[in-house]
Amino acid sequence: MKKQTKTVPEFSSEQEEREFWATHDSSEYIDWKKAKPAIFPDLKPTMKTISLRLPETLLNRIKTLANERDVPYQSLMKMYLRERIDSEYGLERNKQKKANS
């Protein structure tokens, strides 16, 4: 017997939709057996150009490291920033978990 799914309501904002899905089971509204993987080949994060002043010696060291890894120096800087920020957020969450325990 085919499972009857409910109709997904219309939402007036993304926030309203987030709140709805946070409190409802999507399997009551969507037949996930019919779902197919989605591919978004042209989806890229929005980038913002910034100006950053660095000591020349630091920039030269970054460029040297990037050259050794065969990556553009700006890409290497983004990787370093991402790793450090992820680490900081992880540490902050761990501190909050311990404080709440």
PDB file of N, CA and C in Angstrom:
ATOM      1  N   MET A   1       0.841  -1.176   0.000  1.00  0.00           N
ATOM      2  CA  MET A   1       0.000   0.000   0.000  1.00  0.00           C
ATOM      3  C   MET A   1       0.889   1.243   0.000  1.00  0.00           C
ATOM      4  N   LYS A   2       0.551   2.199  -0.830  1.00  0.00           N
ATOM      5  CA  LYS A   2       1.318   3.424  -0.965  1.00  0.00           C
ATOM      6  C   LYS A   2       1.069   4.350   0.224  1.00  0.00           C
ATOM      7  N   LYS A   3       2.146   4.873   0.781  1.00  0.00           N
ATOM      8  CA  LYS A   3       2.036   5.781   1.924  1.00  0.00           C
ATOM      9  C   LYS A   3       1.580   7.160   1.449  1.00  0.00           C
ATOM     10  N   GLN A   4       0.533   7.682   2.077  1.00  0.00           N
ATOM     11  CA  GLN A   4       0.019   9.009   1.737  1.00  0.00           C
ATOM     12  C   GLN A   4       0.893  10.067   2.421  1.00  0.00           C
ATOM     13  N   THR A   5       1.396  11.036   1.637  1.00  0.00           N
ATOM     14  CA  THR A   5       2.196  12.110   2.219  1.00  0.00           C
ATOM     15  C   THR A   5       1.354  13.367   2.379  1.00  0.00           C
ATOM     16  N   LYS A   6       1.712  14.149   3.394  1.00  0.00           N
ATOM     17  CA  LYS A   6       1.022  15.409   3.653  1.00  0.00           C
ATOM     18  C   LYS A   6       1.528  16.474   2.682  1.00  0.00           C
ATOM     19  N   THR A   7       0.735  17.507   2.487  1.00  0.00           N
ATOM     20  CA  THR A   7       1.126  18.620   1.619  1.00  0.00           C
ATOM     21  C   THR A   7       2.036  19.566   2.396  1.00  0.00           C
ATOM     22  N   VAL A   8       3.145  19.937   1.788  1.00  0.00           N
ATOM     23  CA  VAL A   8       4.069  20.885   2.418  1.00  0.00           C
ATOM     24  C   VAL A   8       3.414  22.266   2.405  1.00  0.00           C
ATOM     25  N   PRO A   9       3.332  22.923   3.559  1.00  0.00           N
ATOM     26  CA  PRO A   9       2.685  24.237   3.599  1.00  0.00           C
ATOM     27  C   PRO A   9       3.501  25.313   2.892  1.00  0.00           C
ATOM     28  N   GLU A  10       2.841  26.423   2.583  1.00  0.00           N
ATOM     29  CA  GLU A  10       3.525  27.587   2.019  1.00  0.00           C
ATOM     30  C   GLU A  10       4.145  28.357   3.184  1.00  0.00           C
ATOM     31  N   PHE A  11       5.355  28.874   2.977  1.00  0.00           N
ATOM     32  CA  PHE A  11       6.038  29.610   4.029  1.00  0.00           C
ATOM     33  C   PHE A  11       6.219  31.063   3.604  1.00  0.00           C
ATOM     34  N   SER A  12       6.092  31.959   4.558  1.00  0.00           N
ATOM     35  CA  SER A  12       6.236  33.390   4.246  1.00  0.00           C
ATOM     36  C   SER A  12       7.684  33.854   4.363  1.00  0.00           C
ATOM     37  N   SER A  13       8.549  33.021   4.966  1.00  0.00           N
ATOM     38  CA  SER A  13       9.959  33.395   5.100  1.00  0.00           C
ATOM     39  C   SER A  13      10.801  32.133   5.294  1.00  0.00           C
ATOM     40  N   GLU A  14      12.103  32.278   5.084  1.00  0.00           N
ATOM     41  CA  GLU A  14      13.002  31.146   5.311  1.00  0.00           C
ATOM     42  C   GLU A  14      13.019  30.767   6.789  1.00  0.00           C
ATOM     43  N   GLN A  15      12.932  31.777   7.658  1.00  0.00           N
ATOM     44  CA  GLN A  15      12.924  31.508   9.094  1.00  0.00           C
ATOM     45  C   GLN A  15      11.716  30.666   9.484  1.00  0.00           C
ATOM     46  N   GLU A  16      10.564  31.000   8.923  1.00  0.00           N
ATOM     47  CA  GLU A  16       9.357  30.223   9.202  1.00  0.00           C
ATOM     48  C   GLU A  16       9.527  28.782   8.728  1.00  0.00           C
ATOM     49  N   GLU A  17      10.144  28.605   7.561  1.00  0.00           N
ATOM     50  CA  GLU A  17      10.373  27.253   7.040  1.00  0.00           C
ATOM     51  C   GLU A  17      11.352  26.487   7.931  1.00  0.00           C
ATOM     52  N   ARG A  18      12.440  27.164   8.375  1.00  0.00           N
ATOM     53  CA  ARG A  18      13.404  26.510   9.275  1.00  0.00           C
ATOM     54  C   ARG A  18      12.715  26.009  10.546  1.00  0.00           C
ATOM     55  N   GLU A  19      11.879  26.872  11.122  1.00  0.00           N
ATOM     56  CA  GLU A  19      11.182  26.504  12.353  1.00  0.00           C
ATOM     57  C   GLU A  19      10.237  25.326  12.118  1.00  0.00           C
ATOM     58  N   PHE A  20       9.582  25.310  10.967  1.00  0.00           N
ATOM     59  CA  PHE A  20       8.672  24.212  10.640  1.00  0.00           C
ATOM     60  C   PHE A  20       9.435  22.893  10.565  1.00  0.00           C
ATOM     61  N   TRP A  21      10.531  22.860   9.780  1.00  0.00           N
ATOM     62  CA  TRP A  21      11.261  21.609   9.586  1.00  0.00           C
ATOM     63  C   TRP A  21      12.004  21.174  10.844  1.00  0.00           C
ATOM     64  N   ALA A  22      12.275  22.107  11.735  1.00  0.00           N
ATOM     65  CA  ALA A  22      12.927  21.744  13.001  1.00  0.00           C
ATOM     66  C   ALA A  22      11.974  20.982  13.921  1.00  0.00           C
ATOM     67  N   THR A  23      10.681  21.114  13.662  1.00  0.00           N
ATOM     68  CA  THR A  23       9.689  20.481  14.542  1.00  0.00           C
ATOM     69  C   THR A  23       8.820  19.438  13.843  1.00  0.00           C
ATOM     70  N   HIS A  24       9.081  19.169  12.569  1.00  0.00           N
ATOM     71  CA  HIS A  24       8.274  18.196  11.828  1.00  0.00           C
ATOM     72  C   HIS A  24       9.160  17.153  11.156  1.00  0.00           C
ATOM     73  N   ASP A  25       8.639  15.957  10.997  1.00  0.00           N
ATOM     74  CA  ASP A  25       9.345  14.863  10.331  1.00  0.00           C
ATOM     75  C   ASP A  25       9.116  14.972   8.822  1.00  0.00           C
ATOM     76  N   SER A  26      10.189  15.167   8.075  1.00  0.00           N
ATOM     77  CA  SER A  26      10.060  15.352   6.619  1.00  0.00           C
ATOM     78  C   SER A  26       9.497  14.121   5.918  1.00  0.00           C
ATOM     79  N   SER A  27       9.668  12.936   6.510  1.00  0.00           N
ATOM     80  CA  SER A  27       9.161  11.727   5.849  1.00  0.00           C
ATOM     81  C   SER A  27       7.626  11.697   5.797  1.00  0.00           C
ATOM     82  N   GLU A  28       6.975  12.560   6.578  1.00  0.00           N
ATOM     83  CA  GLU A  28       5.522  12.655   6.501  1.00  0.00           C
ATOM     84  C   GLU A  28       5.088  13.510   5.301  1.00  0.00           C
ATOM     85  N   TYR A  29       6.034  14.263   4.727  1.00  0.00           N
ATOM     86  CA  TYR A  29       5.723  15.195   3.638  1.00  0.00           C
ATOM     87  C   TYR A  29       6.395  14.828   2.317  1.00  0.00           C
ATOM     88  N   ILE A  30       7.454  14.044   2.392  1.00  0.00           N
ATOM     89  CA  ILE A  30       8.240  13.731   1.199  1.00  0.00           C
ATOM     90  C   ILE A  30       8.468  12.224   1.126  1.00  0.00           C
ATOM     91  N   ASP A  31       8.268  11.656  -0.049  1.00  0.00           N
ATOM     92  CA  ASP A  31       8.556  10.238  -0.254  1.00  0.00           C
ATOM     93  C   ASP A  31      10.034  10.113  -0.609  1.00  0.00           C
ATOM     94  N   TRP A  32      10.858   9.871   0.396  1.00  0.00           N
ATOM     95  CA  TRP A  32      12.311   9.845   0.200  1.00  0.00           C
ATOM     96  C   TRP A  32      12.771   8.677  -0.666  1.00  0.00           C
ATOM     97  N   LYS A  33      11.925   7.676  -0.875  1.00  0.00           N
ATOM     98  CA  LYS A  33      12.298   6.562  -1.755  1.00  0.00           C
ATOM     99  C   LYS A  33      12.399   7.017  -3.207  1.00  0.00           C
ATOM    100  N   LYS A  34      11.708   8.102  -3.532  1.00  0.00           N
ATOM    101  CA  LYS A  34      11.747   8.643  -4.888  1.00  0.00           C
ATOM    102  C   LYS A  34      12.849   9.704  -5.056  1.00  0.00           C
ATOM    103  N   ALA A  35      13.507  10.048  -3.977  1.00  0.00           N
ATOM    104  CA  ALA A  35      14.518  11.110  -4.027  1.00  0.00           C
ATOM    105  C   ALA A  35      15.743  10.673  -4.830  1.00  0.00           C
ATOM    106  N   LYS A  36      16.343  11.628  -5.516  1.00  0.00           N
ATOM    107  CA  LYS A  36      17.556  11.386  -6.285  1.00  0.00           C
ATOM    108  C   LYS A  36      18.618  12.392  -5.846  1.00  0.00           C
ATOM    109  N   PRO A  37      19.887  12.012  -5.930  1.00  0.00           N
ATOM    110  CA  PRO A  37      20.939  12.957  -5.553  1.00  0.00           C
ATOM    111  C   PRO A  37      20.919  14.192  -6.459  1.00  0.00           C
ATOM    112  N   ALA A  38      21.159  15.335  -5.881  1.00  0.00           N
ATOM    113  CA  ALA A  38      21.213  16.590  -6.645  1.00  0.00           C
ATOM    114  C   ALA A  38      22.669  17.006  -6.811  1.00  0.00           C
ATOM    115  N   ILE A  39      22.981  17.507  -7.975  1.00  0.00           N
ATOM    116  CA  ILE A  39      24.332  17.977  -8.264  1.00  0.00           C
ATOM    117  C   ILE A  39      24.237  19.436  -8.680  1.00  0.00           C
ATOM    118  N   PHE A  40      25.038  20.271  -8.020  1.00  0.00           N
ATOM    119  CA  PHE A  40      25.058  21.704  -8.313  1.00  0.00           C
ATOM    120  C   PHE A  40      26.466  22.086  -8.747  1.00  0.00           C
ATOM    121  N   PRO A  41      26.826  21.829 -10.002  1.00  0.00           N
ATOM    122  CA  PRO A  41      28.214  22.022 -10.435  1.00  0.00           C
ATOM    123  C   PRO A  41      28.678  23.475 -10.438  1.00  0.00           C
ATOM    124  N   ASP A  42      27.759  24.419 -10.590  1.00  0.00           N
ATOM    125  CA  ASP A  42      28.166  25.816 -10.668  1.00  0.00           C
ATOM    126  C   ASP A  42      27.999  26.564  -9.353  1.00  0.00           C
ATOM    127  N   LEU A  43      27.663  25.846  -8.283  1.00  0.00           N
ATOM    128  CA  LEU A  43      27.448  26.488  -6.991  1.00  0.00           C
ATOM    129  C   LEU A  43      28.791  26.766  -6.333  1.00  0.00           C
ATOM    130  N   LYS A  44      29.052  28.032  -6.088  1.00  0.00           N
ATOM    131  CA  LYS A  44      30.302  28.433  -5.445  1.00  0.00           C
ATOM    132  C   LYS A  44      29.980  29.395  -4.320  1.00  0.00           C
ATOM    133  N   PRO A  45      30.772  29.353  -3.246  1.00  0.00           N
ATOM    134  CA  PRO A  45      30.503  30.297  -2.161  1.00  0.00           C
ATOM    135  C   PRO A  45      30.752  31.729  -2.610  1.00  0.00           C
ATOM    136  N   THR A  46      29.999  32.643  -2.041  1.00  0.00           N
ATOM    137  CA  THR A  46      30.190  34.052  -2.344  1.00  0.00           C
ATOM    138  C   THR A  46      31.526  34.496  -1.775  1.00  0.00           C
ATOM    139  N   MET A  47      32.302  35.166  -2.581  1.00  0.00           N
ATOM    140  CA  MET A  47      33.620  35.618  -2.148  1.00  0.00           C
ATOM    141  C   MET A  47      33.615  37.132  -1.994  1.00  0.00           C
ATOM    142  N   LYS A  48      34.322  37.608  -1.003  1.00  0.00           N
ATOM    143  CA  LYS A  48      34.450  39.028  -0.740  1.00  0.00           C
ATOM    144  C   LYS A  48      35.925  39.380  -0.797  1.00  0.00           C
ATOM    145  N   THR A  49      36.271  40.368  -1.607  1.00  0.00           N
ATOM    146  CA  THR A  49      37.651  40.815  -1.713  1.00  0.00           C
ATOM    147  C   THR A  49      37.959  41.745  -0.547  1.00  0.00           C
ATOM    148  N   ILE A  50      39.098  41.493   0.088  1.00  0.00           N
ATOM    149  CA  ILE A  50      39.525  42.351   1.188  1.00  0.00           C
ATOM    150  C   ILE A  50      40.954  42.809   0.946  1.00  0.00           C
ATOM    151  N   SER A  51      41.345  43.831   1.659  1.00  0.00           N
ATOM    152  CA  SER A  51      42.729  44.296   1.635  1.00  0.00           C
ATOM    153  C   SER A  51      43.326  43.953   2.984  1.00  0.00           C
ATOM    154  N   LEU A  52      44.475  43.314   2.979  1.00  0.00           N
ATOM    155  CA  LEU A  52      45.103  42.872   4.216  1.00  0.00           C
ATOM    156  C   LEU A  52      46.572  43.273   4.194  1.00  0.00           C
ATOM    157  N   ARG A  53      46.982  44.028   5.179  1.00  0.00           N
ATOM    158  CA  ARG A  53      48.391  44.441   5.269  1.00  0.00           C
ATOM    159  C   ARG A  53      49.153  43.422   6.097  1.00  0.00           C
ATOM    160  N   LEU A  54      50.232  42.897   5.498  1.00  0.00           N
ATOM    161  CA  LEU A  54      51.080  41.922   6.180  1.00  0.00           C
ATOM    162  C   LEU A  54      52.518  42.403   6.122  1.00  0.00           C
ATOM    163  N   PRO A  55      53.291  42.068   7.135  1.00  0.00           N
ATOM    164  CA  PRO A  55      54.719  42.346   7.030  1.00  0.00           C
ATOM    165  C   PRO A  55      55.288  41.590   5.825  1.00  0.00           C
ATOM    166  N   GLU A  56      56.165  42.222   5.117  1.00  0.00           N
ATOM    167  CA  GLU A  56      56.719  41.631   3.892  1.00  0.00           C
ATOM    168  C   GLU A  56      57.380  40.292   4.163  1.00  0.00           C
ATOM    169  N   THR A  57      58.049  40.171   5.294  1.00  0.00           N
ATOM    170  CA  THR A  57      58.714  38.893   5.609  1.00  0.00           C
ATOM    171  C   THR A  57      57.699  37.771   5.797  1.00  0.00           C
ATOM    172  N   LEU A  58      56.562  38.087   6.444  1.00  0.00           N
ATOM    173  CA  LEU A  58      55.520  37.080   6.627  1.00  0.00           C
ATOM    174  C   LEU A  58      54.942  36.655   5.285  1.00  0.00           C
ATOM    175  N   LEU A  59      54.669  37.628   4.421  1.00  0.00           N
ATOM    176  CA  LEU A  59      54.129  37.308   3.094  1.00  0.00           C
ATOM    177  C   LEU A  59      55.116  36.448   2.302  1.00  0.00           C
ATOM    178  N   ASN A  60      56.391  36.766   2.378  1.00  0.00           N
ATOM    179  CA  ASN A  60      57.405  35.963   1.674  1.00  0.00           C
ATOM    180  C   ASN A  60      57.447  34.528   2.192  1.00  0.00           C
ATOM    181  N   ARG A  61      57.305  34.352   3.504  1.00  0.00           N
ATOM    182  CA  ARG A  61      57.296  33.002   4.076  1.00  0.00           C
ATOM    183  C   ARG A  61      56.062  32.223   3.613  1.00  0.00           C
ATOM    184  N   ILE A  62      54.918  32.901   3.566  1.00  0.00           N
ATOM    185  CA  ILE A  62      53.694  32.255   3.088  1.00  0.00           C
ATOM    186  C   ILE A  62      53.853  31.843   1.629  1.00  0.00           C
ATOM    187  N   LYS A  63      54.412  32.715   0.815  1.00  0.00           N
ATOM    188  CA  LYS A  63      54.614  32.397  -0.599  1.00  0.00           C
ATOM    189  C   LYS A  63      55.573  31.222  -0.764  1.00  0.00           C
ATOM    190  N   THR A  64      56.599  31.163   0.073  1.00  0.00           N
ATOM    191  CA  THR A  64      57.550  30.046   0.012  1.00  0.00           C
ATOM    192  C   THR A  64      56.848  28.731   0.348  1.00  0.00           C
ATOM    193  N   LEU A  65      56.051  28.741   1.428  1.00  0.00           N
ATOM    194  CA  LEU A  65      55.307  27.533   1.802  1.00  0.00           C
ATOM    195  C   LEU A  65      54.327  27.122   0.703  1.00  0.00           C
ATOM    196  N   ALA A  66      53.660  28.101   0.127  1.00  0.00           N
ATOM    197  CA  ALA A  66      52.706  27.806  -0.948  1.00  0.00           C
ATOM    198  C   ALA A  66      53.416  27.196  -2.150  1.00  0.00           C
ATOM    199  N   ASN A  67      54.567  27.738  -2.487  1.00  0.00           N
ATOM    200  CA  ASN A  67      55.344  27.210  -3.602  1.00  0.00           C
ATOM    201  C   ASN A  67      55.758  25.761  -3.341  1.00  0.00           C
ATOM    202  N   GLU A  68      56.155  25.460  -2.113  1.00  0.00           N
ATOM    203  CA  GLU A  68      56.545  24.088  -1.756  1.00  0.00           C
ATOM    204  C   GLU A  68      55.367  23.118  -1.892  1.00  0.00           C
ATOM    205  N   ARG A  69      54.165  23.624  -1.651  1.00  0.00           N
ATOM    206  CA  ARG A  69      52.963  22.786  -1.731  1.00  0.00           C
ATOM    207  C   ARG A  69      52.298  22.857  -3.105  1.00  0.00           C
ATOM    208  N   ASP A  70      52.857  23.688  -3.977  1.00  0.00           N
ATOM    209  CA  ASP A  70      52.337  23.866  -5.334  1.00  0.00           C
ATOM    210  C   ASP A  70      50.878  24.334  -5.331  1.00  0.00           C
ATOM    211  N   VAL A  71      50.597  25.315  -4.464  1.00  0.00           N
ATOM    212  CA  VAL A  71      49.280  25.939  -4.415  1.00  0.00           C
ATOM    213  C   VAL A  71      49.458  27.450  -4.445  1.00  0.00           C
ATOM    214  N   PRO A  72      48.492  28.200  -4.921  1.00  0.00           N
ATOM    215  CA  PRO A  72      48.587  29.658  -4.867  1.00  0.00           C
ATOM    216  C   PRO A  72      48.651  30.131  -3.407  1.00  0.00           C
ATOM    217  N   TYR A  73      49.429  31.167  -3.153  1.00  0.00           N
ATOM    218  CA  TYR A  73      49.623  31.603  -1.769  1.00  0.00           C
ATOM    219  C   TYR A  73      48.321  32.079  -1.133  1.00  0.00           C
ATOM    220  N   GLN A  74      47.419  32.686  -1.910  1.00  0.00           N
ATOM    221  CA  GLN A  74      46.150  33.121  -1.332  1.00  0.00           C
ATOM    222  C   GLN A  74      45.285  31.922  -0.922  1.00  0.00           C
ATOM    223  N   SER A  75      45.362  30.857  -1.699  1.00  0.00           N
ATOM    224  CA  SER A  75      44.626  29.639  -1.340  1.00  0.00           C
ATOM    225  C   SER A  75      45.183  29.039  -0.052  1.00  0.00           C
ATOM    226  N   LEU A  76      46.495  29.055   0.081  1.00  0.00           N
ATOM    227  CA  LEU A  76      47.118  28.543   1.297  1.00  0.00           C
ATOM    228  C   LEU A  76      46.695  29.381   2.503  1.00  0.00           C
ATOM    229  N   MET A  77      46.646  30.684   2.342  1.00  0.00           N
ATOM    230  CA  MET A  77      46.214  31.555   3.434  1.00  0.00           C
ATOM    231  C   MET A  77      44.769  31.241   3.829  1.00  0.00           C
ATOM    232  N   LYS A  78      43.906  30.999   2.849  1.00  0.00           N
ATOM    233  CA  LYS A  78      42.514  30.654   3.149  1.00  0.00           C
ATOM    234  C   LYS A  78      42.431  29.322   3.892  1.00  0.00           C
ATOM    235  N   MET A  79      43.266  28.362   3.488  1.00  0.00           N
ATOM    236  CA  MET A  79      43.269  27.069   4.178  1.00  0.00           C
ATOM    237  C   MET A  79      43.712  27.245   5.627  1.00  0.00           C
ATOM    238  N   TYR A  80      44.761  28.026   5.851  1.00  0.00           N
ATOM    239  CA  TYR A  80      45.248  28.269   7.212  1.00  0.00           C
ATOM    240  C   TYR A  80      44.189  28.969   8.058  1.00  0.00           C
ATOM    241  N   LEU A  81      43.552  29.967   7.483  1.00  0.00           N
ATOM    242  CA  LEU A  81      42.506  30.677   8.221  1.00  0.00           C
ATOM    243  C   LEU A  81      41.352  29.738   8.566  1.00  0.00           C
ATOM    244  N   ARG A  82      40.928  28.934   7.607  1.00  0.00           N
ATOM    245  CA  ARG A  82      39.828  27.994   7.835  1.00  0.00           C
ATOM    246  C   ARG A  82      40.179  27.005   8.946  1.00  0.00           C
ATOM    247  N   GLU A  83      41.392  26.451   8.892  1.00  0.00           N
ATOM    248  CA  GLU A  83      41.808  25.485   9.915  1.00  0.00           C
ATOM    249  C   GLU A  83      41.802  26.128  11.300  1.00  0.00           C
ATOM    250  N   ARG A  84      42.328  27.332  11.395  1.00  0.00           N
ATOM    251  CA  ARG A  84      42.412  27.996  12.694  1.00  0.00           C
ATOM    252  C   ARG A  84      41.022  28.369  13.213  1.00  0.00           C
ATOM    253  N   ILE A  85      40.176  28.875  12.349  1.00  0.00           N
ATOM    254  CA  ILE A  85      38.830  29.259  12.763  1.00  0.00           C
ATOM    255  C   ILE A  85      38.032  28.024  13.187  1.00  0.00           C
ATOM    256  N   ASP A  86      38.137  26.943  12.420  1.00  0.00           N
ATOM    257  CA  ASP A  86      37.471  25.698  12.803  1.00  0.00           C
ATOM    258  C   ASP A  86      37.972  25.225  14.158  1.00  0.00           C
ATOM    259  N   SER A  87      39.269  25.333  14.377  1.00  0.00           N
ATOM    260  CA  SER A  87      39.860  24.937  15.648  1.00  0.00           C
ATOM    261  C   SER A  87      39.334  25.798  16.793  1.00  0.00           C
ATOM    262  N   GLU A  88      39.284  27.092  16.586  1.00  0.00           N
ATOM    263  CA  GLU A  88      38.786  28.014  17.609  1.00  0.00           C
ATOM    264  C   GLU A  88      37.327  27.725  17.937  1.00  0.00           C
ATOM    265  N   TYR A  89      36.506  27.516  16.923  1.00  0.00           N
ATOM    266  CA  TYR A  89      35.105  27.211  17.167  1.00  0.00           C
ATOM    267  C   TYR A  89      34.967  25.883  17.891  1.00  0.00           C
ATOM    268  N   GLY A  90      35.783  24.920  17.534  1.00  0.00           N
ATOM    269  CA  GLY A  90      35.752  23.631  18.219  1.00  0.00           C
ATOM    270  C   GLY A  90      36.128  23.780  19.673  1.00  0.00           C
ATOM    271  N   LEU A  91      37.145  24.572  19.958  1.00  0.00           N
ATOM    272  CA  LEU A  91      37.559  24.806  21.339  1.00  0.00           C
ATOM    273  C   LEU A  91      36.469  25.527  22.108  1.00  0.00           C
ATOM    274  N   GLU A  92      35.843  26.511  21.473  1.00  0.00           N
ATOM    275  CA  GLU A  92      34.784  27.278  22.132  1.00  0.00           C
ATOM    276  C   GLU A  92      33.595  26.377  22.459  1.00  0.00           C
ATOM    277  N   ARG A  93      33.229  25.516  21.531  1.00  0.00           N
ATOM    278  CA  ARG A  93      32.101  24.608  21.783  1.00  0.00           C
ATOM    279  C   ARG A  93      32.424  23.634  22.905  1.00  0.00           C
ATOM    280  N   ASN A  94      33.680  23.142  22.930  1.00  0.00           N
ATOM    281  CA  ASN A  94      34.075  22.226  23.999  1.00  0.00           C
ATOM    282  C   ASN A  94      34.022  22.919  25.344  1.00  0.00           C
ATOM    283  N   LYS A  95      34.444  24.196  25.411  1.00  0.00           N
ATOM    284  CA  LYS A  95      34.383  24.949  26.657  1.00  0.00           C
ATOM    285  C   LYS A  95      32.939  25.114  27.107  1.00  0.00           C
ATOM    286  N   GLN A  96      32.042  25.409  26.153  1.00  0.00           N
ATOM    287  CA  GLN A  96      30.631  25.600  26.484  1.00  0.00           C
ATOM    288  C   GLN A  96      30.013  24.296  26.977  1.00  0.00           C
ATOM    289  N   LYS A  97      30.371  23.182  26.345  1.00  0.00           N
ATOM    290  CA  LYS A  97      29.835  21.881  26.765  1.00  0.00           C
ATOM    291  C   LYS A  97      30.271  21.561  28.192  1.00  0.00           C
ATOM    292  N   LYS A  98      31.564  21.826  28.492  1.00  0.00           N
ATOM    293  CA  LYS A  98      32.065  21.567  29.839  1.00  0.00           C
ATOM    294  C   LYS A  98      31.404  22.471  30.863  1.00  0.00           C
ATOM    295  N   ALA A  99      31.172  23.727  30.497  1.00  0.00           N
ATOM    296  CA  ALA A  99      30.547  24.673  31.426  1.00  0.00           C
ATOM    297  C   ALA A  99      29.093  24.278  31.696  1.00  0.00           C
ATOM    298  N   ASN A 100      28.425  23.715  30.693  1.00  0.00           N
ATOM    299  CA  ASN A 100      27.027  23.330  30.855  1.00  0.00           C
ATOM    300  C   ASN A 100      26.864  21.977  31.530  1.00  0.00           C
ATOM    301  N   SER A 101      27.948  21.224  31.660  1.00  0.00           N
ATOM    302  CA  SER A 101      27.875  19.886  32.271  1.00  0.00           C
ATOM    303  C   SER A 101      27.765  19.959  33.777  1.00  0.00           C
TER     304      SER A 101
END
